[in-house]
């Protein structure tokens, strides 16, 4: 994170000076790969972004879902700023078959800007499962919503894996997440 942190913070400042009303930053936390909780470096940099006035932080690269939470930034003028931080959405598609790496989520945000601040009208998520199946001697991958009934043709063992993926996503998000299942 430290290598690009100054550039990212500089870019945030530049777009705000140019009149950006909403700032969303997407980060690849590949250094946190396989961790279901954010590292100290992730937490520290996310707080720097919140203090810079970023409205939404969307992380990826950890290959595992990490919590989604609210951060309170302290802006340069001393005022407080609310930031939604999704540390990591997990995996959307990959070849790994470990329980944590076959799960991810889609984040759905409905936001408005009232002329002063960003308002989060609705924050929902769709948990996903990477279904791998073999057909005609080849492996195929399909991303499915893990909270819905299994698609036709999914084996019982894959259904069990899909249920574990859903359980992992919910566990990694934690009980105090601002997200609601879509």
Protein backbone atom coordinates (compact mmCIF):
# COMPACT_ATOMS: atom_id res chain seq x y z
CA UNK A 1 0.00 0.00 0.00
CA UNK A 2 2.71 2.48 0.93
CA UNK A 3 4.20 2.51 -2.58
CA UNK A 4 1.09 4.04 -4.15
CA UNK A 5 -0.48 5.64 -1.08
CA UNK A 6 0.88 9.12 -1.75
CA UNK A 7 -0.24 8.98 -5.39
CA UNK A 8 -3.73 7.84 -4.42
CA UNK A 9 -4.10 10.51 -1.74
CA UNK A 10 -2.80 13.13 -4.19
CA UNK A 11 -5.31 11.96 -6.81
CA UNK A 12 -8.15 12.19 -4.26
CA UNK A 13 -7.14 15.75 -3.39
CA UNK A 14 -6.89 16.68 -7.08
CA UNK A 15 -10.35 15.38 -8.01
CA UNK A 16 -11.89 17.11 -5.01
CA UNK A 17 -10.23 20.39 -6.03
CA UNK A 18 -11.65 19.89 -9.53
CA UNK A 19 -15.16 19.69 -8.07
CA UNK A 20 -15.81 15.97 -7.60
CA UNK A 21 -18.91 15.58 -5.45
CA UNK A 22 -18.50 11.85 -4.84
CA UNK A 23 -15.16 10.05 -4.57
CA UNK A 24 -14.93 6.25 -4.81
CA UNK A 25 -11.58 4.51 -4.50
CA UNK A 26 -11.03 0.91 -5.57
CA UNK A 27 -7.97 -0.84 -4.16
CA UNK A 28 -6.23 -4.15 -4.76
CA UNK A 29 -5.10 -5.52 -1.40
CA UNK A 30 -3.12 -8.41 -2.85
CA UNK A 31 -0.70 -8.24 0.09
CA UNK A 32 -3.63 -9.34 2.29
CA UNK A 33 -4.33 -12.41 0.13
CA UNK A 34 -6.15 -15.15 2.01
CA UNK A 35 -6.94 -13.05 5.08
CA UNK A 36 -10.58 -12.71 6.13
CA UNK A 37 -9.84 -9.70 8.32
CA UNK A 38 -8.14 -6.50 7.17
CA UNK A 39 -4.50 -6.08 8.09
CA UNK A 40 -3.24 -3.17 10.18
CA UNK A 41 -1.90 -1.57 6.98
CA UNK A 42 -5.30 -1.87 5.28
CA UNK A 43 -7.06 -0.32 8.27
CA UNK A 44 -4.53 2.51 8.52
CA UNK A 45 -4.68 3.37 4.81
CA UNK A 46 -8.48 3.14 4.71
CA UNK A 47 -8.56 5.64 7.58
CA UNK A 48 -6.23 7.97 5.65
CA UNK A 49 -8.65 7.79 2.72
CA UNK A 50 -11.60 8.54 5.00
CA UNK A 51 -9.67 11.50 6.44
CA UNK A 52 -9.08 12.71 2.86
CA UNK A 53 -12.85 12.75 2.25
CA UNK A 54 -13.30 9.57 0.21
CA UNK A 55 -16.96 8.49 0.24
CA UNK A 56 -16.61 4.81 -0.67
CA UNK A 57 -13.64 2.43 -0.53
CA UNK A 58 -14.03 -0.84 -2.44
CA UNK A 59 -11.31 -3.39 -1.94
CA UNK A 60 -10.40 -6.53 -3.85
CA UNK A 61 -7.38 -8.76 -4.29
CA UNK A 62 -7.49 -10.55 -0.96
CA UNK A 63 -9.35 -13.46 -2.63
CA UNK A 64 -11.43 -13.65 0.57
CA UNK A 65 -14.39 -11.51 1.66
CA UNK A 66 -13.45 -9.01 4.36
CA UNK A 67 -15.74 -6.82 6.48
CA UNK A 68 -17.74 -3.86 5.25
CA UNK A 69 -17.93 -1.07 7.79
CA UNK A 70 -18.33 2.64 8.36
CA UNK A 71 -15.28 4.79 8.96
CA UNK A 72 -15.40 8.30 10.35
CA UNK A 73 -12.88 10.54 8.70
CA UNK A 74 -11.61 13.76 10.21
CA UNK A 75 -11.31 16.28 7.41
CA UNK A 76 -8.68 19.04 7.30
CA UNK A 77 -11.28 21.59 8.52
CA UNK A 78 -11.96 19.41 11.59
CA UNK A 79 -15.38 18.19 10.47
CA UNK A 80 -16.36 14.53 10.47
CA UNK A 81 -16.88 12.59 7.23
CA UNK A 82 -18.68 9.25 6.84
CA UNK A 83 -16.98 6.68 4.57
CA UNK A 84 -18.30 3.26 3.57
CA UNK A 85 -15.37 0.83 3.50
CA UNK A 86 -15.67 -2.59 1.86
CA UNK A 87 -12.23 -3.97 2.66
CA UNK A 88 -12.59 -6.79 0.13
CA UNK A 89 -15.39 -8.22 -2.01
CA UNK A 90 -13.58 -11.57 -2.19
CA UNK A 91 -13.29 -13.52 -5.43
CA UNK A 92 -15.52 -13.24 -8.44
CA UNK A 93 -13.71 -15.82 -10.57
CA UNK A 94 -10.58 -17.84 -9.88
CA UNK A 95 -9.35 -21.41 -10.18
CA UNK A 96 -8.78 -22.01 -6.46
CA UNK A 97 -11.09 -24.47 -4.75
CA UNK A 98 -10.49 -23.63 -1.08
CA UNK A 99 -13.62 -22.76 0.88
CA UNK A 100 -12.75 -19.11 1.33
CA UNK A 101 -11.59 -18.53 -2.25
CA UNK A 102 -14.76 -19.76 -3.97
CA UNK A 103 -16.86 -17.06 -2.31
CA UNK A 104 -17.34 -13.40 -3.02
CA UNK A 105 -20.01 -10.77 -3.16
CA UNK A 106 -21.45 -8.08 -5.34
CA UNK A 107 -21.95 -4.73 -3.62
CA UNK A 108 -25.04 -2.71 -4.57
CA UNK A 109 -25.14 0.95 -3.57
CA UNK A 110 -27.91 3.47 -4.01
CA UNK A 111 -26.52 6.89 -3.17
CA UNK A 112 -27.60 10.48 -3.61
CA UNK A 113 -25.78 13.76 -3.24
CA UNK A 114 -27.80 16.50 -1.54
CA UNK A 115 -25.43 19.34 -2.46
CA UNK A 116 -23.49 18.98 0.77
CA UNK A 117 -22.88 15.29 1.37
CA UNK A 118 -23.32 11.80 0.00
CA UNK A 119 -26.34 9.96 1.38
CA UNK A 120 -26.44 6.18 1.32
CA UNK A 121 -30.05 5.30 0.55
CA UNK A 122 -29.61 1.55 0.26
CA UNK A 123 -26.62 -0.74 0.79
CA UNK A 124 -27.12 -4.38 -0.18
CA UNK A 125 -25.05 -7.32 -1.33
CA UNK A 126 -25.37 -10.51 -3.30
CA UNK A 127 -23.18 -13.35 -2.00
CA UNK A 128 -21.59 -15.37 -4.82
CA UNK A 129 -20.15 -18.82 -5.34
CA UNK A 130 -17.76 -19.90 -8.09
CA UNK A 131 -19.29 -23.11 -9.38
CA UNK A 132 -16.82 -25.30 -11.24
CA UNK A 133 -18.11 -28.21 -13.26
CA UNK A 134 -16.68 -30.59 -15.82
CA UNK A 135 -18.30 -31.15 -19.18
CA UNK A 136 -16.85 -32.95 -22.17
CA UNK A 137 -13.51 -33.29 -20.41
CA UNK A 138 -13.16 -29.55 -19.72
CA UNK A 139 -13.69 -27.44 -16.60
CA UNK A 140 -16.15 -24.57 -16.73
CA UNK A 141 -16.77 -21.85 -14.17
CA UNK A 142 -20.02 -20.08 -13.44
CA UNK A 143 -20.65 -17.43 -10.81
CA UNK A 144 -23.97 -17.98 -9.02
CA UNK A 145 -25.77 -16.22 -6.18
CA UNK A 146 -25.07 -18.46 -3.19
CA UNK A 147 -28.20 -17.53 -1.25
CA UNK A 148 -30.56 -18.68 -4.03
CA UNK A 149 -31.50 -22.24 -4.98
CA UNK A 150 -28.77 -24.15 -6.76
CA UNK A 151 -28.90 -24.15 -10.57
CA UNK A 152 -30.01 -27.28 -12.41
CA UNK A 153 -27.19 -29.72 -12.86
CA UNK A 154 -25.24 -28.76 -9.73
CA UNK A 155 -24.04 -31.86 -7.86
CA UNK A 156 -24.79 -32.39 -4.17
CA UNK A 157 -21.13 -31.84 -3.26
CA UNK A 158 -21.14 -28.54 -5.14
CA UNK A 159 -24.38 -27.56 -3.37
CA UNK A 160 -22.63 -28.24 -0.07
CA UNK A 161 -19.68 -26.10 -1.18
CA UNK A 162 -22.06 -23.32 -2.20
CA UNK A 163 -23.70 -23.40 1.24
CA UNK A 164 -20.26 -23.22 2.92
CA UNK A 165 -19.37 -20.27 0.68
CA UNK A 166 -22.50 -18.42 1.83
CA UNK A 167 -21.73 -19.22 5.47
CA UNK A 168 -18.16 -17.93 5.03
CA UNK A 169 -19.28 -14.67 3.41
CA UNK A 170 -21.73 -14.01 6.24
CA UNK A 171 -19.13 -14.95 8.89
CA UNK A 172 -16.42 -12.73 7.35
CA UNK A 173 -18.79 -9.78 7.03
CA UNK A 174 -19.57 -10.00 10.75
CA UNK A 175 -22.73 -9.16 12.62
CA UNK A 176 -22.35 -5.38 12.57
CA UNK A 177 -22.12 -4.96 8.79
CA UNK A 178 -24.19 -2.12 7.29
CA UNK A 179 -25.10 -4.47 4.41
CA UNK A 180 -28.46 -6.10 3.87
CA UNK A 181 -28.83 -9.25 1.78
CA UNK A 182 -30.33 -8.35 -1.59
